[in-house]
Every structure is written in C-alpha cells, then in structure tokens.
Amino acid sequence: MNIFISAPFGNYIKKKNECIAVTGTWTLEPRGNRLLAVLKTLRYNRKLGGWTNRLGLPNPGLDVGLSKTLPAEVLSIAATTNTDFKVLNSIIPESKNIEINLSCPNIHGLKISELEWSGAGIFLNDWRRWCIAKVSPLTTMKELTYLIDTLGFKQIHCSNTLPVPLVGGLSGNELIPYTKILIKMIRSTWKDNIEIIAGGGIQNIGTVTEYINEGANHVSIGSLCFNPFKLNKLLKTIT
C-alpha cells in the first residue's frame, strides 16, 4: 500500500520514505495566488463537519509546477479549456508521474462535463508509474466506464471534494460513504484490474482499514495535514 499526500498539501509536506507527495493542482497558465485564495475561502464548517473551499485551482502555472515536483512525486494537473490536455502533454516529460484532476468543483464558468475527457487519454503511456484519474465523489457508472474501458485508465483516485451549492468543495467525513460506493462500483465491475486510491475523511487508522477492506489499494491523505501531530501519528501507525 502506498500513502499519497494529496494536492495542495503535497506542495509543502515531503516525507520521502513514508508518502508520495502530489503537488499542484497545476494548470497550463497561472490562476492567481494560492495562499491568498486559501485565506479568503478555506473555512471549517461545523454544520457540515468538514473543511470547505472555493479555491478554483489557484497556482503559478505548469512551468513552476514542473520545477517544484521531484521525480518520485506526482504532478497534479487540470484543464480549464478543451485544448489544454494536448498542450500539457506536449510540455510534461513522458516519464513524469501525473494525476489528472477531472473533478474540481470550483472552476467558475466552466462545468467539468463540458471538458473533453477524451483528451485525458493522451497522457497514458508505458513510462509513467502513476497516471491517475482523480474523480468526483458524484462520478457515475457511465463516467467510470468511459474513463476505464474507453480511455484506458488503470488508476483511479476516489475522490475529490464534494460539491456543495453556495459553499464550494467539502472535504472530511462526509466523503467516506461516497468513496466507499465508488470503490464498490469499480471492484464489482473491473475486479482487480484497477488500482484504487481512496481518499476523503481519513483521520485515523480506522478509516484507512475500512477503505482497504472495501478494496482500495492505496490511500490519500488531505485535510488531516492541517494537524501535523495527528498526521505523524497516523503515518507511524501505518508504516
């Protein structure tokens, strides 16, 4: 089992012998200041029981992302126009590990369904150890079938933040049942042919065990990174 530190936490938390850092998410062109966006929109919502944000992928652009992502790490990328995937692929080295964020709920003015998912298949090759499709907790069986059977993805990250109207993306315990449903959908249809990375609501070894028992191969840690003490405690327990 591998442990991933999800973007954007992977930009700052580097535990080489314990985790795989996922940096980003990076877009072709700069989209503003990440720290400023975090200060403006990241909040803990007691009513919803998790962290919410309306970040919208703020980052200084792909060139900076490539310079800051080590060979063993994973570069998280996203498209904001229908032509981005082709250009991104022409710039990113063929052996660079990548995670394709197909599910950001905060790209204003652009619904993810309007993007050409078919373009994501351009990144699949024999040189990358990781070429991961990161999906929404609301991903349908039809969408999974397209990603896996049509495009050929063999590594699926379940899942991104949950879209909440007027709030943005929600992370935390609310994601656990959604992630479990996606794991069951994938395992029941594609058996052991897909590597599943399970994320959402991981605060202790109990949730990690639940995800692995459901059929996940690996886990991804996100909002737990706000608490370095609990993060280190969990990593020591796992490793």
C-alpha atoms as a PDB file:
ATOM      1  CA  MET A   1       0.000   0.000   0.000  1.00  0.00           C
ATOM      2  CA  ASN A   2       1.204   3.486  -0.897  1.00  0.00           C
ATOM      3  CA  ILE A   3       0.234   6.603   1.018  1.00  0.00           C
ATOM      4  CA  PHE A   4      -0.285   9.767  -1.003  1.00  0.00           C
ATOM      5  CA  ILE A   5      -0.293  13.314   0.339  1.00  0.00           C
ATOM      6  CA  SER A   6      -2.907  14.955  -1.859  1.00  0.00           C
ATOM      7  CA  ALA A   7      -2.544  18.305  -3.590  1.00  0.00           C
ATOM      8  CA  PRO A   8      -2.146  21.032  -2.498  1.00  0.00           C
ATOM      9  CA  PHE A   9      -0.712  19.588   0.739  1.00  0.00           C
ATOM     10  CA  GLY A  10       1.901  17.700  -1.253  1.00  0.00           C
ATOM     11  CA  ASN A  11       3.419  21.054  -2.206  1.00  0.00           C
ATOM     12  CA  TYR A  12       4.587  21.510   1.374  1.00  0.00           C
ATOM     13  CA  ILE A  13       4.704  18.122   3.097  1.00  0.00           C
ATOM     14  CA  LYS A  14       7.604  15.968   1.957  1.00  0.00           C
ATOM     15  CA  LYS A  15       8.037  12.625   3.704  1.00  0.00           C
ATOM     16  CA  LYS A  16      10.163  10.749   1.194  1.00  0.00           C
ATOM     17  CA  ASN A  17      10.264   7.360   2.898  1.00  0.00           C
ATOM     18  CA  GLU A  18       6.647   7.301   4.018  1.00  0.00           C
ATOM     19  CA  CYS A  19       4.497   9.045   1.425  1.00  0.00           C
ATOM     20  CA  ILE A  20       4.214  10.098  -2.195  1.00  0.00           C
ATOM     21  CA  ALA A  21       3.643  13.836  -2.447  1.00  0.00           C
ATOM     22  CA  VAL A  22       1.137  15.036  -5.044  1.00  0.00           C
ATOM     23  CA  THR A  23       1.880  18.641  -5.988  1.00  0.00           C
ATOM     24  CA  GLY A  24      -0.452  21.149  -7.583  1.00  0.00           C
ATOM     25  CA  THR A  25      -3.003  21.249  -8.889  1.00  0.00           C
ATOM     26  CA  TRP A  26      -1.198  22.944 -11.797  1.00  0.00           C
ATOM     27  CA  THR A  27      -2.837  24.458 -14.866  1.00  0.00           C
ATOM     28  CA  LEU A  28      -1.291  25.500 -18.148  1.00  0.00           C
ATOM     29  CA  GLU A  29      -1.482  29.196 -17.293  1.00  0.00           C
ATOM     30  CA  PRO A  30      -1.258  30.897 -13.869  1.00  0.00           C
ATOM     31  CA  ARG A  31      -4.545  31.255 -11.982  1.00  0.00           C
ATOM     32  CA  GLY A  32      -3.695  33.553  -9.106  1.00  0.00           C
ATOM     33  CA  ASN A  33      -2.125  33.293  -5.665  1.00  0.00           C
ATOM     34  CA  ARG A  34      -2.850  30.063  -3.772  1.00  0.00           C
ATOM     35  CA  LEU A  35      -2.121  31.428  -0.305  1.00  0.00           C
ATOM     36  CA  LEU A  36      -4.395  34.418  -0.819  1.00  0.00           C
ATOM     37  CA  ALA A  37      -7.188  32.176  -2.093  1.00  0.00           C
ATOM     38  CA  VAL A  38      -6.788  29.885   0.913  1.00  0.00           C
ATOM     39  CA  LEU A  39      -7.032  32.794   3.335  1.00  0.00           C
ATOM     40  CA  LYS A  40     -10.152  34.079   1.587  1.00  0.00           C
ATOM     41  CA  THR A  41     -12.115  30.867   1.113  1.00  0.00           C
ATOM     42  CA  LEU A  42     -10.855  27.974   3.261  1.00  0.00           C
ATOM     43  CA  ARG A  43     -13.078  27.501   6.302  1.00  0.00           C
ATOM     44  CA  TYR A  44     -14.047  24.755   8.732  1.00  0.00           C
ATOM     45  CA  ASN A  45     -17.808  24.323   8.537  1.00  0.00           C
ATOM     46  CA  ARG A  46     -19.093  22.910  11.820  1.00  0.00           C
ATOM     47  CA  LYS A  47     -22.558  22.314  10.411  1.00  0.00           C
ATOM     48  CA  LEU A  48     -21.198  20.214   7.552  1.00  0.00           C
ATOM     49  CA  GLY A  49     -18.440  18.682   9.651  1.00  0.00           C
ATOM     50  CA  GLY A  50     -15.565  19.381   7.302  1.00  0.00           C
ATOM     51  CA  TRP A  51     -13.380  21.899   5.508  1.00  0.00           C
ATOM     52  CA  THR A  52     -14.873  23.895   2.657  1.00  0.00           C
ATOM     53  CA  ASN A  53     -13.148  25.920  -0.024  1.00  0.00           C
ATOM     54  CA  ARG A  54     -13.818  27.848  -3.202  1.00  0.00           C
ATOM     55  CA  LEU A  55     -10.207  27.932  -4.359  1.00  0.00           C
ATOM     56  CA  GLY A  56     -10.707  27.369  -8.093  1.00  0.00           C
ATOM     57  CA  LEU A  57      -7.207  25.936  -8.661  1.00  0.00           C
ATOM     58  CA  PRO A  58      -5.047  28.980  -7.869  1.00  0.00           C
ATOM     59  CA  ASN A  59      -1.440  28.281  -8.904  1.00  0.00           C
ATOM     60  CA  PRO A  60       1.503  29.936 -10.674  1.00  0.00           C
ATOM     61  CA  GLY A  61       1.270  27.689 -13.737  1.00  0.00           C
ATOM     62  CA  LEU A  62       2.687  24.439 -15.103  1.00  0.00           C
ATOM     63  CA  ASP A  63       6.259  25.645 -15.601  1.00  0.00           C
ATOM     64  CA  VAL A  64       6.570  26.370 -11.883  1.00  0.00           C
ATOM     65  CA  GLY A  65       4.905  23.058 -11.058  1.00  0.00           C
ATOM     66  CA  LEU A  66       7.406  21.091 -13.116  1.00  0.00           C
ATOM     67  CA  SER A  67      10.311  22.822 -11.406  1.00  0.00           C
ATOM     68  CA  LYS A  68       8.905  22.067  -7.948  1.00  0.00           C
ATOM     69  CA  THR A  69       7.916  18.416  -8.455  1.00  0.00           C
ATOM     70  CA  LEU A  70      10.617  15.821  -7.764  1.00  0.00           C
ATOM     71  CA  PRO A  71      10.935  12.694  -9.950  1.00  0.00           C
ATOM     72  CA  ALA A  72       9.345  10.384  -7.374  1.00  0.00           C
ATOM     73  CA  GLU A  73       6.444  12.773  -6.738  1.00  0.00           C
ATOM     74  CA  VAL A  74       3.195  13.124  -8.669  1.00  0.00           C
ATOM     75  CA  LEU A  75       2.261  16.217 -10.653  1.00  0.00           C
ATOM     76  CA  SER A  76      -1.449  17.043 -10.350  1.00  0.00           C
ATOM     77  CA  ILE A  77      -2.779  18.817 -13.447  1.00  0.00           C
ATOM     78  CA  ALA A  78      -6.109  20.158 -14.656  1.00  0.00           C
ATOM     79  CA  ALA A  79      -7.539  21.600 -17.836  1.00  0.00           C
ATOM     80  CA  THR A  80      -9.530  24.810 -17.951  1.00  0.00           C
ATOM     81  CA  THR A  81     -10.183  24.756 -21.715  1.00  0.00           C
ATOM     82  CA  ASN A  82     -10.905  21.943 -24.150  1.00  0.00           C
ATOM     83  CA  THR A  83      -7.460  22.235 -25.744  1.00  0.00           C
ATOM     84  CA  ASP A  84      -5.331  22.233 -22.587  1.00  0.00           C
ATOM     85  CA  PHE A  85      -4.661  18.493 -22.366  1.00  0.00           C
ATOM     86  CA  LYS A  86      -2.904  18.393 -25.720  1.00  0.00           C
ATOM     87  CA  VAL A  87      -0.655  21.326 -24.831  1.00  0.00           C
ATOM     88  CA  LEU A  88       0.030  19.996 -21.329  1.00  0.00           C
ATOM     89  CA  ASN A  89       1.067  16.660 -22.772  1.00  0.00           C
ATOM     90  CA  SER A  90       3.497  18.315 -25.156  1.00  0.00           C
ATOM     91  CA  ILE A  91       5.255  20.018 -22.222  1.00  0.00           C
ATOM     92  CA  ILE A  92       5.220  17.377 -19.473  1.00  0.00           C
ATOM     93  CA  PRO A  93       8.016  14.757 -19.791  1.00  0.00           C
ATOM     94  CA  GLU A  94       6.777  11.318 -20.828  1.00  0.00           C
ATOM     95  CA  SER A  95       8.067   9.699 -17.635  1.00  0.00           C
ATOM     96  CA  LYS A  96       6.633  12.285 -15.220  1.00  0.00           C
ATOM     97  CA  ASN A  97       4.088  10.838 -12.800  1.00  0.00           C
ATOM     98  CA  ILE A  98       0.797  12.677 -13.084  1.00  0.00           C
ATOM     99  CA  GLU A  99      -2.663  12.865 -11.571  1.00  0.00           C
ATOM    100  CA  ILE A 100      -5.339  14.367 -13.777  1.00  0.00           C
ATOM    101  CA  ASN A 101      -7.832  16.349 -11.733  1.00  0.00           C
ATOM    102  CA  LEU A 102     -11.103  15.765 -13.564  1.00  0.00           C
ATOM    103  CA  SER A 103     -13.295  16.937 -10.746  1.00  0.00           C
ATOM    104  CA  CYS A 104     -12.552  20.383  -9.341  1.00  0.00           C
ATOM    105  CA  PRO A 105     -15.932  21.833  -8.236  1.00  0.00           C
ATOM    106  CA  ASN A 106     -14.671  25.416  -8.187  1.00  0.00           C
ATOM    107  CA  ILE A 107     -13.711  26.287 -11.769  1.00  0.00           C
ATOM    108  CA  HIS A 108     -16.132  29.142 -12.197  1.00  0.00           C
ATOM    109  CA  GLY A 109     -17.812  29.476 -15.566  1.00  0.00           C
ATOM    110  CA  LEU A 110     -16.809  26.019 -16.739  1.00  0.00           C
ATOM    111  CA  LYS A 111     -18.605  22.784 -15.929  1.00  0.00           C
ATOM    112  CA  ILE A 112     -16.334  19.749 -15.908  1.00  0.00           C
ATOM    113  CA  SER A 113     -18.774  17.914 -18.181  1.00  0.00           C
ATOM    114  CA  GLU A 114     -18.002  20.476 -20.873  1.00  0.00           C
ATOM    115  CA  LEU A 115     -14.349  19.442 -20.955  1.00  0.00           C
ATOM    116  CA  GLU A 116     -13.249  16.863 -23.495  1.00  0.00           C
ATOM    117  CA  TRP A 117     -12.496  13.931 -21.199  1.00  0.00           C
ATOM    118  CA  SER A 118     -11.338  12.105 -24.298  1.00  0.00           C
ATOM    119  CA  GLY A 119      -8.290  14.354 -24.261  1.00  0.00           C
ATOM    120  CA  ALA A 120      -7.190  12.900 -20.921  1.00  0.00           C
ATOM    121  CA  GLY A 121      -6.245   9.633 -22.569  1.00  0.00           C
ATOM    122  CA  ILE A 122      -3.321  11.337 -24.281  1.00  0.00           C
ATOM    123  CA  PHE A 123      -1.269  11.048 -21.067  1.00  0.00           C
ATOM    124  CA  LEU A 124      -1.384   7.255 -20.882  1.00  0.00           C
ATOM    125  CA  ASN A 125       1.907   5.602 -21.812  1.00  0.00           C
ATOM    126  CA  ASP A 126       4.304   2.849 -20.708  1.00  0.00           C
ATOM    127  CA  TRP A 127       6.817   5.133 -18.982  1.00  0.00           C
ATOM    128  CA  ARG A 128       4.762   6.551 -16.138  1.00  0.00           C
ATOM    129  CA  ARG A 129       4.432   4.593 -12.890  1.00  0.00           C
ATOM    130  CA  TRP A 130       1.458   6.781 -11.991  1.00  0.00           C
ATOM    131  CA  CYS A 131      -1.117   8.156 -14.393  1.00  0.00           C
ATOM    132  CA  ILE A 132      -4.108   8.688 -12.138  1.00  0.00           C
ATOM    133  CA  ALA A 133      -7.587   9.984 -12.890  1.00  0.00           C
ATOM    134  CA  LYS A 134      -8.960  11.837  -9.859  1.00  0.00           C
ATOM    135  CA  VAL A 135     -12.735  11.743  -9.902  1.00  0.00           C
ATOM    136  CA  SER A 136     -15.618  13.448  -8.166  1.00  0.00           C
ATOM    137  CA  PRO A 137     -17.495  11.671  -5.338  1.00  0.00           C
ATOM    138  CA  LEU A 138     -20.545  12.045  -7.595  1.00  0.00           C
ATOM    139  CA  THR A 139     -18.976  10.164 -10.519  1.00  0.00           C
ATOM    140  CA  THR A 140     -21.443   7.873 -12.259  1.00  0.00           C
ATOM    141  CA  MET A 141     -21.005   4.325 -13.520  1.00  0.00           C
ATOM    142  CA  LYS A 142     -21.239   5.665 -17.068  1.00  0.00           C
ATOM    143  CA  GLU A 143     -18.354   8.055 -16.419  1.00  0.00           C
ATOM    144  CA  LEU A 144     -16.228   5.355 -14.804  1.00  0.00           C
ATOM    145  CA  THR A 145     -16.863   3.068 -17.754  1.00  0.00           C
ATOM    146  CA  TYR A 146     -15.736   5.793 -20.125  1.00  0.00           C
ATOM    147  CA  LEU A 147     -12.565   6.512 -18.153  1.00  0.00           C
ATOM    148  CA  ILE A 148     -11.620   2.861 -17.714  1.00  0.00           C
ATOM    149  CA  ASP A 149     -12.948   0.978 -20.751  1.00  0.00           C
ATOM    150  CA  THR A 150     -12.823   3.688 -23.401  1.00  0.00           C
ATOM    151  CA  LEU A 151      -9.830   5.797 -22.369  1.00  0.00           C
ATOM    152  CA  GLY A 152      -7.904   3.019 -20.637  1.00  0.00           C
ATOM    153  CA  PHE A 153      -7.168   4.434 -17.178  1.00  0.00           C
ATOM    154  CA  LYS A 154      -5.975   1.812 -14.708  1.00  0.00           C
ATOM    155  CA  GLN A 155      -5.522   4.070 -11.666  1.00  0.00           C
ATOM    156  CA  ILE A 156      -8.496   5.910 -10.177  1.00  0.00           C
ATOM    157  CA  HIS A 157      -8.417   8.279  -7.196  1.00  0.00           C
ATOM    158  CA  CYS A 158     -11.718   8.276  -5.304  1.00  0.00           C
ATOM    159  CA  SER A 159     -12.383  11.041  -4.607  1.00  0.00           C
ATOM    160  CA  ASN A 160     -12.157  14.816  -4.828  1.00  0.00           C
ATOM    161  CA  THR A 161     -14.121  17.238  -2.653  1.00  0.00           C
ATOM    162  CA  LEU A 162     -17.904  17.055  -2.596  1.00  0.00           C
ATOM    163  CA  PRO A 163     -19.623  19.932  -4.428  1.00  0.00           C
ATOM    164  CA  VAL A 164     -21.979  21.811  -2.103  1.00  0.00           C
ATOM    165  CA  PRO A 165     -24.157  24.597  -3.566  1.00  0.00           C
ATOM    166  CA  LEU A 166     -23.191  28.092  -2.406  1.00  0.00           C
ATOM    167  CA  VAL A 167     -20.372  26.634  -0.306  1.00  0.00           C
ATOM    168  CA  GLY A 168     -17.832  25.098  -2.714  1.00  0.00           C
ATOM    169  CA  GLY A 169     -15.958  21.853  -2.192  1.00  0.00           C
ATOM    170  CA  LEU A 170     -16.392  19.922   1.060  1.00  0.00           C
ATOM    171  CA  SER A 171     -13.753  17.575   2.471  1.00  0.00           C
ATOM    172  CA  GLY A 172     -13.891  15.420   5.577  1.00  0.00           C
ATOM    173  CA  ASN A 173     -16.062  12.603   6.935  1.00  0.00           C
ATOM    174  CA  GLU A 174     -18.927  13.363   4.547  1.00  0.00           C
ATOM    175  CA  LEU A 175     -16.816  11.923   1.746  1.00  0.00           C
ATOM    176  CA  ILE A 176     -16.390   8.479   3.279  1.00  0.00           C
ATOM    177  CA  PRO A 177     -19.675   6.897   2.083  1.00  0.00           C
ATOM    178  CA  TYR A 178     -19.212   8.361  -1.408  1.00  0.00           C
ATOM    179  CA  THR A 179     -15.703   6.960  -1.666  1.00  0.00           C
ATOM    180  CA  LYS A 180     -16.854   3.545  -0.476  1.00  0.00           C
ATOM    181  CA  ILE A 181     -19.592   3.471  -3.100  1.00  0.00           C
ATOM    182  CA  LEU A 182     -17.088   4.272  -5.841  1.00  0.00           C
ATOM    183  CA  ILE A 183     -14.712   1.563  -4.610  1.00  0.00           C
ATOM    184  CA  LYS A 184     -17.533  -0.993  -4.691  1.00  0.00           C
ATOM    185  CA  MET A 185     -18.593   0.105  -8.181  1.00  0.00           C
ATOM    186  CA  ILE A 186     -15.068  -0.300  -9.527  1.00  0.00           C
ATOM    187  CA  ARG A 187     -14.301  -3.580  -7.788  1.00  0.00           C
ATOM    188  CA  SER A 188     -17.611  -5.210  -8.717  1.00  0.00           C
ATOM    189  CA  THR A 189     -17.156  -4.374 -12.394  1.00  0.00           C
ATOM    190  CA  TRP A 190     -13.396  -4.391 -13.037  1.00  0.00           C
ATOM    191  CA  LYS A 191     -12.278  -6.713 -10.217  1.00  0.00           C
ATOM    192  CA  ASP A 192      -8.548  -6.362  -9.527  1.00  0.00           C
ATOM    193  CA  ASN A 193      -7.664  -4.770 -12.850  1.00  0.00           C
ATOM    194  CA  ILE A 194      -7.774  -1.233 -11.442  1.00  0.00           C
ATOM    195  CA  GLU A 195      -5.564   0.370  -8.800  1.00  0.00           C
ATOM    196  CA  ILE A 196      -7.792   2.380  -6.479  1.00  0.00           C
ATOM    197  CA  ILE A 197      -6.528   5.272  -4.378  1.00  0.00           C
ATOM    198  CA  ALA A 198      -9.067   6.037  -1.649  1.00  0.00           C
ATOM    199  CA  GLY A 199      -9.275   9.434  -0.006  1.00  0.00           C
ATOM    200  CA  GLY A 200     -11.698  11.524   1.978  1.00  0.00           C
ATOM    201  CA  GLY A 201     -12.192  11.788   5.720  1.00  0.00           C
ATOM    202  CA  ILE A 202      -9.052   9.898   6.749  1.00  0.00           C
ATOM    203  CA  GLN A 203      -8.323  10.947  10.327  1.00  0.00           C
ATOM    204  CA  ASN A 204      -7.091   7.678  11.820  1.00  0.00           C
ATOM    205  CA  ILE A 205      -6.118   4.105  11.047  1.00  0.00           C
ATOM    206  CA  GLY A 206      -9.761   3.042  11.276  1.00  0.00           C
ATOM    207  CA  THR A 207     -10.761   4.798   8.049  1.00  0.00           C
ATOM    208  CA  VAL A 208      -7.630   3.544   6.299  1.00  0.00           C
ATOM    209  CA  THR A 209      -8.578  -0.017   7.272  1.00  0.00           C
ATOM    210  CA  GLU A 210     -12.149   0.500   6.108  1.00  0.00           C
ATOM    211  CA  TYR A 211     -11.003   1.683   2.690  1.00  0.00           C
ATOM    212  CA  ILE A 212      -8.531  -1.181   2.281  1.00  0.00           C
ATOM    213  CA  ASN A 213     -11.170  -3.698   3.353  1.00  0.00           C
ATOM    214  CA  GLU A 214     -13.562  -2.246   0.778  1.00  0.00           C
ATOM    215  CA  GLY A 215     -10.972  -2.930  -1.920  1.00  0.00           C
ATOM    216  CA  ALA A 216      -8.709   0.127  -2.153  1.00  0.00           C
ATOM    217  CA  ASN A 217      -5.035  -0.482  -2.953  1.00  0.00           C
ATOM    218  CA  HIS A 218      -3.711   2.823  -1.632  1.00  0.00           C
ATOM    219  CA  VAL A 219      -4.903   5.797   0.413  1.00  0.00           C
ATOM    220  CA  SER A 220      -4.649   9.559   0.013  1.00  0.00           C
ATOM    221  CA  ILE A 221      -4.449  11.952   2.948  1.00  0.00           C
ATOM    222  CA  GLY A 222      -5.705  15.512   2.671  1.00  0.00           C
ATOM    223  CA  SER A 223      -7.258  17.637   5.403  1.00  0.00           C
ATOM    224  CA  LEU A 224      -5.547  15.630   8.152  1.00  0.00           C
ATOM    225  CA  CYS A 225      -2.433  17.534   7.081  1.00  0.00           C
ATOM    226  CA  PHE A 226      -3.834  20.556   8.933  1.00  0.00           C
ATOM    227  CA  ASN A 227      -2.859  18.685  12.098  1.00  0.00           C
ATOM    228  CA  PRO A 228       0.831  17.648  11.819  1.00  0.00           C
ATOM    229  CA  PHE A 229       0.716  15.776  15.139  1.00  0.00           C
ATOM    230  CA  LYS A 230      -2.182  13.558  14.055  1.00  0.00           C
ATOM    231  CA  LEU A 231      -0.637  13.119  10.611  1.00  0.00           C
ATOM    232  CA  ASN A 232       2.675  11.908  12.008  1.00  0.00           C
ATOM    233  CA  LYS A 233       0.885   9.626  14.452  1.00  0.00           C
ATOM    234  CA  LEU A 234      -1.121   8.027  11.645  1.00  0.00           C
ATOM    235  CA  LEU A 235       1.930   7.599   9.418  1.00  0.00           C
ATOM    236  CA  LYS A 236       3.831   5.876  12.216  1.00  0.00           C
ATOM    237  CA  THR A 237       0.875   3.541  12.740  1.00  0.00           C
ATOM    238  CA  ILE A 238       0.647   2.663   9.051  1.00  0.00           C
ATOM    239  CA  THR A 239       4.337   2.373   8.271  1.00  0.00           C
END
